[in-house]
Amino acid sequence: MHVRPLSADRHLVTVVGALDLHTASRLADALQPLVLTGGHSVLVDLSDVTFLDSTGLTCLIAVYRTARSTGARVALIAPSERVRRMLALTGTDQVLHSYGTLDSVPD
């Protein structure tokens, strides 16, 4: 996982590999401080995620809820096919906004 500031109030978090029971807490530890500051945008690049289980999904939902309560914004970037299927299967794709590329995310 890599965290890179794109601007003062916008960060890109790139996740690689499995997002599961063993890795979700690391992602939560990286994302929660970013969304606790209202007005921030956190873009989560999931293009290289090879596996997403319920723990990883719960992590993303918890971060989304925190962002909603603080006025921050979370968007998913280029979720891999496996991730897209899991999001659709659980209906999470109706809540978490995703974009095909970083450039397609509105400011």
PDB file of N, CA and C in Angstrom:
ATOM      1  N   MET A   1       0.839  -1.168   0.000  1.00  0.00           N
ATOM      2  CA  MET A   1       0.000   0.000   0.000  1.00  0.00           C
ATOM      3  C   MET A   1       0.893   1.244   0.000  1.00  0.00           C
ATOM      4  N   HIS A   2       0.486   2.227  -0.781  1.00  0.00           N
ATOM      5  CA  HIS A   2       1.225   3.483  -0.890  1.00  0.00           C
ATOM      6  C   HIS A   2       0.250   4.644  -0.733  1.00  0.00           C
ATOM      7  N   VAL A   3       0.631   5.636   0.038  1.00  0.00           N
ATOM      8  CA  VAL A   3      -0.166   6.845   0.209  1.00  0.00           C
ATOM      9  C   VAL A   3       0.622   7.992  -0.395  1.00  0.00           C
ATOM     10  N   ARG A   4      -0.047   8.723  -1.297  1.00  0.00           N
ATOM     11  CA  ARG A   4       0.633   9.833  -1.970  1.00  0.00           C
ATOM     12  C   ARG A   4      -0.287  11.041  -1.996  1.00  0.00           C
ATOM     13  N   PRO A   5       0.165  12.166  -1.449  1.00  0.00           N
ATOM     14  CA  PRO A   5      -0.648  13.380  -1.553  1.00  0.00           C
ATOM     15  C   PRO A   5      -0.654  13.890  -2.990  1.00  0.00           C
ATOM     16  N   LEU A   6      -1.827  14.228  -3.473  1.00  0.00           N
ATOM     17  CA  LEU A   6      -1.961  14.828  -4.804  1.00  0.00           C
ATOM     18  C   LEU A   6      -2.069  16.342  -4.699  1.00  0.00           C
ATOM     19  N   SER A   7      -2.578  16.788  -3.565  1.00  0.00           N
ATOM     20  CA  SER A   7      -2.660  18.218  -3.247  1.00  0.00           C
ATOM     21  C   SER A   7      -2.837  18.306  -1.737  1.00  0.00           C
ATOM     22  N   ALA A   8      -3.040  19.503  -1.235  1.00  0.00           N
ATOM     23  CA  ALA A   8      -3.168  19.678   0.210  1.00  0.00           C
ATOM     24  C   ALA A   8      -4.366  18.932   0.786  1.00  0.00           C
ATOM     25  N   ASP A   9      -5.411  18.773  -0.008  1.00  0.00           N
ATOM     26  CA  ASP A   9      -6.622  18.129   0.507  1.00  0.00           C
ATOM     27  C   ASP A   9      -7.058  16.903  -0.303  1.00  0.00           C
ATOM     28  N   ARG A  10      -6.127  16.322  -1.037  1.00  0.00           N
ATOM     29  CA  ARG A  10      -6.465  15.159  -1.871  1.00  0.00           C
ATOM     30  C   ARG A  10      -5.313  14.158  -1.829  1.00  0.00           C
ATOM     31  N   HIS A  11      -5.638  12.901  -1.496  1.00  0.00           N
ATOM     32  CA  HIS A  11      -4.627  11.853  -1.389  1.00  0.00           C
ATOM     33  C   HIS A  11      -5.014  10.648  -2.238  1.00  0.00           C
ATOM     34  N   LEU A  12      -4.010  10.001  -2.758  1.00  0.00           N
ATOM     35  CA  LEU A  12      -4.191   8.761  -3.505  1.00  0.00           C
ATOM     36  C   LEU A  12      -3.587   7.635  -2.681  1.00  0.00           C
ATOM     37  N   VAL A  13      -4.400   6.630  -2.399  1.00  0.00           N
ATOM     38  CA  VAL A  13      -3.943   5.453  -1.669  1.00  0.00           C
ATOM     39  C   VAL A  13      -4.021   4.285  -2.638  1.00  0.00           C
ATOM     40  N   THR A  14      -2.883   3.685  -2.933  1.00  0.00           N
ATOM     41  CA  THR A  14      -2.807   2.567  -3.877  1.00  0.00           C
ATOM     42  C   THR A  14      -2.660   1.278  -3.095  1.00  0.00           C
ATOM     43  N   VAL A  15      -3.570   0.342  -3.355  1.00  0.00           N
ATOM     44  CA  VAL A  15      -3.567  -0.950  -2.673  1.00  0.00           C
ATOM     45  C   VAL A  15      -3.153  -2.012  -3.682  1.00  0.00           C
ATOM     46  N   VAL A  16      -2.240  -2.887  -3.271  1.00  0.00           N
ATOM     47  CA  VAL A  16      -1.732  -3.942  -4.152  1.00  0.00           C
ATOM     48  C   VAL A  16      -1.880  -5.277  -3.438  1.00  0.00           C
ATOM     49  N   GLY A  17      -2.366  -6.288  -4.165  1.00  0.00           N
ATOM     50  CA  GLY A  17      -2.486  -7.632  -3.598  1.00  0.00           C
ATOM     51  C   GLY A  17      -3.849  -7.856  -2.973  1.00  0.00           C
ATOM     52  N   ALA A  18      -3.873  -8.677  -1.946  1.00  0.00           N
ATOM     53  CA  ALA A  18      -5.128  -9.033  -1.281  1.00  0.00           C
ATOM     54  C   ALA A  18      -5.531  -7.963  -0.273  1.00  0.00           C
ATOM     55  N   LEU A  19      -6.818  -7.682  -0.231  1.00  0.00           N
ATOM     56  CA  LEU A  19      -7.398  -6.817   0.789  1.00  0.00           C
ATOM     57  C   LEU A  19      -8.317  -7.716   1.603  1.00  0.00           C
ATOM     58  N   ASP A  20      -7.772  -8.226   2.706  1.00  0.00           N
ATOM     59  CA  ASP A  20      -8.471  -9.262   3.451  1.00  0.00           C
ATOM     60  C   ASP A  20      -8.214  -9.133   4.946  1.00  0.00           C
ATOM     61  N   LEU A  21      -8.525 -10.182   5.675  1.00  0.00           N
ATOM     62  CA  LEU A  21      -8.371 -10.218   7.120  1.00  0.00           C
ATOM     63  C   LEU A  21      -6.979  -9.794   7.570  1.00  0.00           C
ATOM     64  N   HIS A  22      -5.975 -10.132   6.804  1.00  0.00           N
ATOM     65  CA  HIS A  22      -4.598  -9.866   7.189  1.00  0.00           C
ATOM     66  C   HIS A  22      -4.108  -8.466   6.815  1.00  0.00           C
ATOM     67  N   THR A  23      -4.774  -7.804   5.899  1.00  0.00           N
ATOM     68  CA  THR A  23      -4.277  -6.507   5.413  1.00  0.00           C
ATOM     69  C   THR A  23      -5.247  -5.344   5.636  1.00  0.00           C
ATOM     70  N   ALA A  24      -6.501  -5.631   5.919  1.00  0.00           N
ATOM     71  CA  ALA A  24      -7.517  -4.571   6.029  1.00  0.00           C
ATOM     72  C   ALA A  24      -7.193  -3.580   7.140  1.00  0.00           C
ATOM     73  N   SER A  25      -6.636  -4.039   8.238  1.00  0.00           N
ATOM     74  CA  SER A  25      -6.338  -3.115   9.341  1.00  0.00           C
ATOM     75  C   SER A  25      -5.263  -2.100   8.938  1.00  0.00           C
ATOM     76  N   ARG A  26      -4.299  -2.527   8.120  1.00  0.00           N
ATOM     77  CA  ARG A  26      -3.276  -1.579   7.640  1.00  0.00           C
ATOM     78  C   ARG A  26      -3.910  -0.516   6.759  1.00  0.00           C
ATOM     79  N   LEU A  27      -4.849  -0.930   5.916  1.00  0.00           N
ATOM     80  CA  LEU A  27      -5.534   0.040   5.064  1.00  0.00           C
ATOM     81  C   LEU A  27      -6.363   0.992   5.920  1.00  0.00           C
ATOM     82  N   ALA A  28      -7.069   0.473   6.891  1.00  0.00           N
ATOM     83  CA  ALA A  28      -7.872   1.325   7.775  1.00  0.00           C
ATOM     84  C   ALA A  28      -6.983   2.324   8.510  1.00  0.00           C
ATOM     85  N   ASP A  29      -5.824   1.861   8.981  1.00  0.00           N
ATOM     86  CA  ASP A  29      -4.894   2.754   9.680  1.00  0.00           C
ATOM     87  C   ASP A  29      -4.399   3.881   8.779  1.00  0.00           C
ATOM     88  N   ALA A  30      -4.288   3.617   7.492  1.00  0.00           N
ATOM     89  CA  ALA A  30      -3.845   4.650   6.551  1.00  0.00           C
ATOM     90  C   ALA A  30      -4.984   5.588   6.168  1.00  0.00           C
ATOM     91  N   LEU A  31      -6.186   5.045   6.001  1.00  0.00           N
ATOM     92  CA  LEU A  31      -7.303   5.844   5.499  1.00  0.00           C
ATOM     93  C   LEU A  31      -7.999   6.681   6.566  1.00  0.00           C
ATOM     94  N   GLN A  32      -8.195   6.119   7.750  1.00  0.00           N
ATOM     95  CA  GLN A  32      -8.984   6.825   8.765  1.00  0.00           C
ATOM     96  C   GLN A  32      -8.442   8.223   9.082  1.00  0.00           C
ATOM     97  N   PRO A  33      -7.139   8.402   9.298  1.00  0.00           N
ATOM     98  CA  PRO A  33      -6.665   9.772   9.579  1.00  0.00           C
ATOM     99  C   PRO A  33      -6.924  10.743   8.418  1.00  0.00           C
ATOM    100  N   LEU A  34      -6.904  10.226   7.208  1.00  0.00           N
ATOM    101  CA  LEU A  34      -7.129  11.097   6.052  1.00  0.00           C
ATOM    102  C   LEU A  34      -8.573  11.573   5.978  1.00  0.00           C
ATOM    103  N   VAL A  35      -9.530  10.718   6.352  1.00  0.00           N
ATOM    104  CA  VAL A  35     -10.944  11.101   6.247  1.00  0.00           C
ATOM    105  C   VAL A  35     -11.456  11.789   7.506  1.00  0.00           C
ATOM    106  N   LEU A  36     -10.665  11.787   8.566  1.00  0.00           N
ATOM    107  CA  LEU A  36     -11.095  12.477   9.785  1.00  0.00           C
ATOM    108  C   LEU A  36     -11.052  13.989   9.627  1.00  0.00           C
ATOM    109  N   THR A  37     -10.340  14.466   8.631  1.00  0.00           N
ATOM    110  CA  THR A  37     -10.286  15.894   8.337  1.00  0.00           C
ATOM    111  C   THR A  37     -11.321  16.202   7.263  1.00  0.00           C
ATOM    112  N   GLY A  38     -12.355  16.902   7.630  1.00  0.00           N
ATOM    113  CA  GLY A  38     -13.410  17.239   6.688  1.00  0.00           C
ATOM    114  C   GLY A  38     -12.888  17.994   5.482  1.00  0.00           C
ATOM    115  N   GLY A  39     -13.493  17.743   4.342  1.00  0.00           N
ATOM    116  CA  GLY A  39     -13.114  18.431   3.121  1.00  0.00           C
ATOM    117  C   GLY A  39     -12.046  17.715   2.326  1.00  0.00           C
ATOM    118  N   HIS A  40     -11.425  16.710   2.898  1.00  0.00           N
ATOM    119  CA  HIS A  40     -10.409  15.955   2.159  1.00  0.00           C
ATOM    120  C   HIS A  40     -11.054  14.966   1.204  1.00  0.00           C
ATOM    121  N   SER A  41     -10.378  14.703   0.125  1.00  0.00           N
ATOM    122  CA  SER A  41     -10.769  13.654  -0.808  1.00  0.00           C
ATOM    123  C   SER A  41      -9.719  12.563  -0.744  1.00  0.00           C
ATOM    124  N   VAL A  42     -10.181  11.343  -0.576  1.00  0.00           N
ATOM    125  CA  VAL A  42      -9.287  10.193  -0.528  1.00  0.00           C
ATOM    126  C   VAL A  42      -9.670   9.273  -1.671  1.00  0.00           C
ATOM    127  N   LEU A  43      -8.732   9.064  -2.567  1.00  0.00           N
ATOM    128  CA  LEU A  43      -8.952   8.224  -3.738  1.00  0.00           C
ATOM    129  C   LEU A  43      -8.211   6.917  -3.503  1.00  0.00           C
ATOM    130  N   VAL A  44      -8.934   5.803  -3.576  1.00  0.00           N
ATOM    131  CA  VAL A  44      -8.363   4.497  -3.268  1.00  0.00           C
ATOM    132  C   VAL A  44      -8.250   3.710  -4.568  1.00  0.00           C
ATOM    133  N   ASP A  45      -7.022   3.546  -5.024  1.00  0.00           N
ATOM    134  CA  ASP A  45      -6.748   2.822  -6.270  1.00  0.00           C
ATOM    135  C   ASP A  45      -6.748   1.322  -5.975  1.00  0.00           C
ATOM    136  N   LEU A  46      -7.735   0.617  -6.526  1.00  0.00           N
ATOM    137  CA  LEU A  46      -7.887  -0.820  -6.304  1.00  0.00           C
ATOM    138  C   LEU A  46      -7.597  -1.625  -7.569  1.00  0.00           C
ATOM    139  N   SER A  47      -6.913  -1.023  -8.521  1.00  0.00           N
ATOM    140  CA  SER A  47      -6.674  -1.698  -9.798  1.00  0.00           C
ATOM    141  C   SER A  47      -5.788  -2.931  -9.664  1.00  0.00           C
ATOM    142  N   ASP A  48      -4.926  -2.968  -8.646  1.00  0.00           N
ATOM    143  CA  ASP A  48      -4.035  -4.113  -8.457  1.00  0.00           C
ATOM    144  C   ASP A  48      -4.439  -5.000  -7.286  1.00  0.00           C
ATOM    145  N   VAL A  49      -5.697  -4.893  -6.860  1.00  0.00           N
ATOM    146  CA  VAL A  49      -6.181  -5.762  -5.788  1.00  0.00           C
ATOM    147  C   VAL A  49      -6.613  -7.082  -6.414  1.00  0.00           C
ATOM    148  N   THR A  50      -6.022  -8.168  -5.916  1.00  0.00           N
ATOM    149  CA  THR A  50      -6.274  -9.497  -6.477  1.00  0.00           C
ATOM    150  C   THR A  50      -7.362 -10.256  -5.738  1.00  0.00           C
ATOM    151  N   PHE A  51      -7.686  -9.817  -4.519  1.00  0.00           N
ATOM    152  CA  PHE A  51      -8.683 -10.511  -3.709  1.00  0.00           C
ATOM    153  C   PHE A  51      -9.275  -9.529  -2.717  1.00  0.00           C
ATOM    154  N   LEU A  52     -10.580  -9.588  -2.530  1.00  0.00           N
ATOM    155  CA  LEU A  52     -11.279  -8.753  -1.561  1.00  0.00           C
ATOM    156  C   LEU A  52     -12.241  -9.641  -0.797  1.00  0.00           C
ATOM    157  N   ASP A  53     -12.057  -9.729   0.532  1.00  0.00           N
ATOM    158  CA  ASP A  53     -12.996 -10.517   1.322  1.00  0.00           C
ATOM    159  C   ASP A  53     -13.885  -9.583   2.138  1.00  0.00           C
ATOM    160  N   SER A  54     -14.712 -10.166   2.998  1.00  0.00           N
ATOM    161  CA  SER A  54     -15.665  -9.363   3.762  1.00  0.00           C
ATOM    162  C   SER A  54     -14.964  -8.395   4.721  1.00  0.00           C
ATOM    163  N   THR A  55     -13.799  -8.747   5.219  1.00  0.00           N
ATOM    164  CA  THR A  55     -13.066  -7.849   6.105  1.00  0.00           C
ATOM    165  C   THR A  55     -12.580  -6.621   5.341  1.00  0.00           C
ATOM    166  N   GLY A  56     -12.072  -6.833   4.148  1.00  0.00           N
ATOM    167  CA  GLY A  56     -11.655  -5.716   3.314  1.00  0.00           C
ATOM    168  C   GLY A  56     -12.823  -4.830   2.936  1.00  0.00           C
ATOM    169  N   LEU A  57     -13.927  -5.457   2.616  1.00  0.00           N
ATOM    170  CA  LEU A  57     -15.134  -4.717   2.265  1.00  0.00           C
ATOM    171  C   LEU A  57     -15.633  -3.901   3.455  1.00  0.00           C
ATOM    172  N   THR A  58     -15.620  -4.504   4.630  1.00  0.00           N
ATOM    173  CA  THR A  58     -16.030  -3.806   5.850  1.00  0.00           C
ATOM    174  C   THR A  58     -15.126  -2.609   6.121  1.00  0.00           C
ATOM    175  N   CYS A  59     -13.847  -2.750   5.857  1.00  0.00           N
ATOM    176  CA  CYS A  59     -12.896  -1.648   6.015  1.00  0.00           C
ATOM    177  C   CYS A  59     -13.295  -0.478   5.114  1.00  0.00           C
ATOM    178  N   LEU A  60     -13.566  -0.757   3.859  1.00  0.00           N
ATOM    179  CA  LEU A  60     -13.946   0.304   2.921  1.00  0.00           C
ATOM    180  C   LEU A  60     -15.239   0.991   3.345  1.00  0.00           C
ATOM    181  N   ILE A  61     -16.194   0.205   3.825  1.00  0.00           N
ATOM    182  CA  ILE A  61     -17.478   0.769   4.258  1.00  0.00           C
ATOM    183  C   ILE A  61     -17.291   1.628   5.509  1.00  0.00           C
ATOM    184  N   ALA A  62     -16.473   1.173   6.447  1.00  0.00           N
ATOM    185  CA  ALA A  62     -16.221   1.942   7.671  1.00  0.00           C
ATOM    186  C   ALA A  62     -15.557   3.272   7.343  1.00  0.00           C
ATOM    187  N   VAL A  63     -14.619   3.249   6.422  1.00  0.00           N
ATOM    188  CA  VAL A  63     -13.949   4.487   6.015  1.00  0.00           C
ATOM    189  C   VAL A  63     -14.949   5.423   5.335  1.00  0.00           C
ATOM    190  N   TYR A  64     -15.810   4.862   4.502  1.00  0.00           N
ATOM    191  CA  TYR A  64     -16.845   5.662   3.843  1.00  0.00           C
ATOM    192  C   TYR A  64     -17.748   6.334   4.884  1.00  0.00           C
ATOM    193  N   ARG A  65     -18.153   5.577   5.892  1.00  0.00           N
ATOM    194  CA  ARG A  65     -19.034   6.130   6.929  1.00  0.00           C
ATOM    195  C   ARG A  65     -18.346   7.260   7.704  1.00  0.00           C
ATOM    196  N   THR A  66     -17.086   7.046   8.031  1.00  0.00           N
ATOM    197  CA  THR A  66     -16.335   8.094   8.724  1.00  0.00           C
ATOM    198  C   THR A  66     -16.253   9.337   7.846  1.00  0.00           C
ATOM    199  N   ALA A  67     -15.947   9.141   6.581  1.00  0.00           N
ATOM    200  CA  ALA A  67     -15.843  10.271   5.652  1.00  0.00           C
ATOM    201  C   ALA A  67     -17.167  11.024   5.567  1.00  0.00           C
ATOM    202  N   ARG A  68     -18.230  10.293   5.485  1.00  0.00           N
ATOM    203  CA  ARG A  68     -19.547  10.929   5.402  1.00  0.00           C
ATOM    204  C   ARG A  68     -19.831  11.790   6.622  1.00  0.00           C
ATOM    205  N   SER A  69     -19.421  11.306   7.787  1.00  0.00           N
ATOM    206  CA  SER A  69     -19.709  12.049   9.019  1.00  0.00           C
ATOM    207  C   SER A  69     -18.802  13.279   9.185  1.00  0.00           C
ATOM    208  N   THR A  70     -17.652  13.294   8.521  1.00  0.00           N
ATOM    209  CA  THR A  70     -16.725  14.422   8.663  1.00  0.00           C
ATOM    210  C   THR A  70     -16.756  15.381   7.479  1.00  0.00           C
ATOM    211  N   GLY A  71     -17.467  15.003   6.423  1.00  0.00           N
ATOM    212  CA  GLY A  71     -17.496  15.843   5.233  1.00  0.00           C
ATOM    213  C   GLY A  71     -16.374  15.550   4.257  1.00  0.00           C
ATOM    214  N   ALA A  72     -15.622  14.489   4.511  1.00  0.00           N
ATOM    215  CA  ALA A  72     -14.581  14.072   3.565  1.00  0.00           C
ATOM    216  C   ALA A  72     -15.228  13.244   2.466  1.00  0.00           C
ATOM    217  N   ARG A  73     -14.445  12.933   1.449  1.00  0.00           N
ATOM    218  CA  ARG A  73     -14.962  12.166   0.318  1.00  0.00           C
ATOM    219  C   ARG A  73     -14.035  10.990   0.037  1.00  0.00           C
ATOM    220  N   VAL A  74     -14.626   9.828  -0.219  1.00  0.00           N
ATOM    221  CA  VAL A  74     -13.867   8.633  -0.587  1.00  0.00           C
ATOM    222  C   VAL A  74     -14.370   8.162  -1.942  1.00  0.00           C
ATOM    223  N   ALA A  75     -13.446   7.868  -2.837  1.00  0.00           N
ATOM    224  CA  ALA A  75     -13.810   7.324  -4.149  1.00  0.00           C
ATOM    225  C   ALA A  75     -12.845   6.194  -4.479  1.00  0.00           C
ATOM    226  N   LEU A  76     -13.359   5.192  -5.141  1.00  0.00           N
ATOM    227  CA  LEU A  76     -12.546   4.058  -5.574  1.00  0.00           C
ATOM    228  C   LEU A  76     -12.091   4.305  -7.002  1.00  0.00           C
ATOM    229  N   ILE A  77     -10.848   3.974  -7.275  1.00  0.00           N
ATOM    230  CA  ILE A  77     -10.285   4.168  -8.607  1.00  0.00           C
ATOM    231  C   ILE A  77      -9.997   2.806  -9.225  1.00  0.00           C
ATOM    232  N   ALA A  78     -10.534   2.587 -10.406  1.00  0.00           N
ATOM    233  CA  ALA A  78     -10.247   1.419 -11.245  1.00  0.00           C
ATOM    234  C   ALA A  78     -10.249   0.097 -10.497  1.00  0.00           C
ATOM    235  N   PRO A  79     -11.354  -0.216  -9.783  1.00  0.00           N
ATOM    236  CA  PRO A  79     -11.370  -1.507  -9.092  1.00  0.00           C
ATOM    237  C   PRO A  79     -11.162  -2.655 -10.083  1.00  0.00           C
ATOM    238  N   SER A  80     -10.357  -3.615  -9.671  1.00  0.00           N
ATOM    239  CA  SER A  80     -10.116  -4.787 -10.524  1.00  0.00           C
ATOM    240  C   SER A  80     -11.426  -5.539 -10.734  1.00  0.00           C
ATOM    241  N   GLU A  81     -11.443  -6.426 -11.684  1.00  0.00           N
ATOM    242  CA  GLU A  81     -12.656  -7.195 -11.991  1.00  0.00           C
ATOM    243  C   GLU A  81     -13.164  -7.940 -10.757  1.00  0.00           C
ATOM    244  N   ARG A  82     -12.272  -8.574 -10.021  1.00  0.00           N
ATOM    245  CA  ARG A  82     -12.683  -9.307  -8.808  1.00  0.00           C
ATOM    246  C   ARG A  82     -13.318  -8.367  -7.789  1.00  0.00           C
ATOM    247  N   VAL A  83     -12.743  -7.208  -7.624  1.00  0.00           N
ATOM    248  CA  VAL A  83     -13.280  -6.235  -6.682  1.00  0.00           C
ATOM    249  C   VAL A  83     -14.632  -5.732  -7.169  1.00  0.00           C
ATOM    250  N   ARG A  84     -14.748  -5.430  -8.443  1.00  0.00           N
ATOM    251  CA  ARG A  84     -16.032  -4.966  -8.994  1.00  0.00           C
ATOM    252  C   ARG A  84     -17.132  -5.989  -8.761  1.00  0.00           C
ATOM    253  N   ARG A  85     -16.808  -7.270  -8.956  1.00  0.00           N
ATOM    254  CA  ARG A  85     -17.813  -8.325  -8.736  1.00  0.00           C
ATOM    255  C   ARG A  85     -18.267  -8.354  -7.282  1.00  0.00           C
ATOM    256  N   MET A  86     -17.325  -8.247  -6.354  1.00  0.00           N
ATOM    257  CA  MET A  86     -17.672  -8.273  -4.932  1.00  0.00           C
ATOM    258  C   MET A  86     -18.506  -7.050  -4.562  1.00  0.00           C
ATOM    259  N   LEU A  87     -18.137  -5.893  -5.078  1.00  0.00           N
ATOM    260  CA  LEU A  87     -18.902  -4.676  -4.806  1.00  0.00           C
ATOM    261  C   LEU A  87     -20.322  -4.798  -5.338  1.00  0.00           C
ATOM    262  N   ALA A  88     -20.467  -5.340  -6.540  1.00  0.00           N
ATOM    263  CA  ALA A  88     -21.793  -5.504  -7.141  1.00  0.00           C
ATOM    264  C   ALA A  88     -22.609  -6.556  -6.393  1.00  0.00           C
ATOM    265  N   LEU A  89     -21.989  -7.654  -6.039  1.00  0.00           N
ATOM    266  CA  LEU A  89     -22.676  -8.745  -5.343  1.00  0.00           C
ATOM    267  C   LEU A  89     -23.245  -8.279  -4.014  1.00  0.00           C
ATOM    268  N   THR A  90     -22.531  -7.421  -3.332  1.00  0.00           N
ATOM    269  CA  THR A  90     -22.964  -6.951  -2.009  1.00  0.00           C
ATOM    270  C   THR A  90     -23.778  -5.661  -2.073  1.00  0.00           C
ATOM    271  N   GLY A  91     -23.885  -5.054  -3.239  1.00  0.00           N
ATOM    272  CA  GLY A  91     -24.610  -3.801  -3.377  1.00  0.00           C
ATOM    273  C   GLY A  91     -23.790  -2.591  -2.950  1.00  0.00           C
ATOM    274  N   THR A  92     -22.543  -2.825  -2.567  1.00  0.00           N
ATOM    275  CA  THR A  92     -21.680  -1.738  -2.125  1.00  0.00           C
ATOM    276  C   THR A  92     -21.357  -0.777  -3.254  1.00  0.00           C
ATOM    277  N   ASP A  93     -21.445  -1.257  -4.485  1.00  0.00           N
ATOM    278  CA  ASP A  93     -21.186  -0.377  -5.635  1.00  0.00           C
ATOM    279  C   ASP A  93     -22.221   0.734  -5.739  1.00  0.00           C
ATOM    280  N   GLN A  94     -23.354   0.578  -5.046  1.00  0.00           N
ATOM    281  CA  GLN A  94     -24.377   1.619  -5.040  1.00  0.00           C
ATOM    282  C   GLN A  94     -24.055   2.727  -4.032  1.00  0.00           C
ATOM    283  N   VAL A  95     -23.122   2.451  -3.128  1.00  0.00           N
ATOM    284  CA  VAL A  95     -22.773   3.402  -2.073  1.00  0.00           C
ATOM    285  C   VAL A  95     -21.406   4.039  -2.317  1.00  0.00           C
ATOM    286  N   LEU A  96     -20.416   3.207  -2.606  1.00  0.00           N
ATOM    287  CA  LEU A  96     -19.063   3.696  -2.848  1.00  0.00           C
ATOM    288  C   LEU A  96     -18.914   4.060  -4.320  1.00  0.00           C
ATOM    289  N   HIS A  97     -18.605   5.293  -4.593  1.00  0.00           N
ATOM    290  CA  HIS A  97     -18.427   5.733  -5.976  1.00  0.00           C
ATOM    291  C   HIS A  97     -17.098   5.222  -6.511  1.00  0.00           C
ATOM    292  N   SER A  98     -17.125   4.754  -7.747  1.00  0.00           N
ATOM    293  CA  SER A  98     -15.865   4.327  -8.358  1.00  0.00           C
ATOM    294  C   SER A  98     -15.731   4.962  -9.737  1.00  0.00           C
ATOM    295  N   TYR A  99     -14.478   5.143 -10.127  1.00  0.00           N
ATOM    296  CA  TYR A  99     -14.148   5.780 -11.392  1.00  0.00           C
ATOM    297  C   TYR A  99     -13.117   4.923 -12.107  1.00  0.00           C
ATOM    298  N   GLY A 100     -13.166   4.919 -13.421  1.00  0.00           N
ATOM    299  CA  GLY A 100     -12.279   4.092 -14.218  1.00  0.00           C
ATOM    300  C   GLY A 100     -10.825   4.523 -14.173  1.00  0.00           C
ATOM    301  N   THR A 101     -10.602   5.825 -14.016  1.00  0.00           N
ATOM    302  CA  THR A 101      -9.232   6.349 -13.967  1.00  0.00           C
ATOM    303  C   THR A 101      -9.163   7.482 -12.948  1.00  0.00           C
ATOM    304  N   LEU A 102      -7.966   7.797 -12.542  1.00  0.00           N
ATOM    305  CA  LEU A 102      -7.745   8.913 -11.624  1.00  0.00           C
ATOM    306  C   LEU A 102      -8.191  10.227 -12.252  1.00  0.00           C
ATOM    307  N   ASP A 103      -7.948  10.381 -13.545  1.00  0.00           N
ATOM    308  CA  ASP A 103      -8.307  11.617 -14.238  1.00  0.00           C
ATOM    309  C   ASP A 103      -9.809  11.829 -14.370  1.00  0.00           C
ATOM    310  N   SER A 104     -10.590  10.761 -14.232  1.00  0.00           N
ATOM    311  CA  SER A 104     -12.044  10.895 -14.396  1.00  0.00           C
ATOM    312  C   SER A 104     -12.759  11.277 -13.100  1.00  0.00           C
ATOM    313  N   VAL A 105     -12.028  11.393 -11.983  1.00  0.00           N
ATOM    314  CA  VAL A 105     -12.624  11.785 -10.722  1.00  0.00           C
ATOM    315  C   VAL A 105     -12.835  13.290 -10.716  1.00  0.00           C
ATOM    316  N   PRO A 106     -14.079  13.728 -10.457  1.00  0.00           N
ATOM    317  CA  PRO A 106     -14.302  15.182 -10.410  1.00  0.00           C
ATOM    318  C   PRO A 106     -13.586  15.813  -9.228  1.00  0.00           C
ATOM    319  N   ASP A 107     -13.215  17.073  -9.381  1.00  0.00           N
ATOM    320  CA  ASP A 107     -12.530  17.795  -8.283  1.00  0.00           C
ATOM    321  C   ASP A 107     -13.448  18.096  -7.146  1.00  0.00           C
TER     322      ASP A 107
END
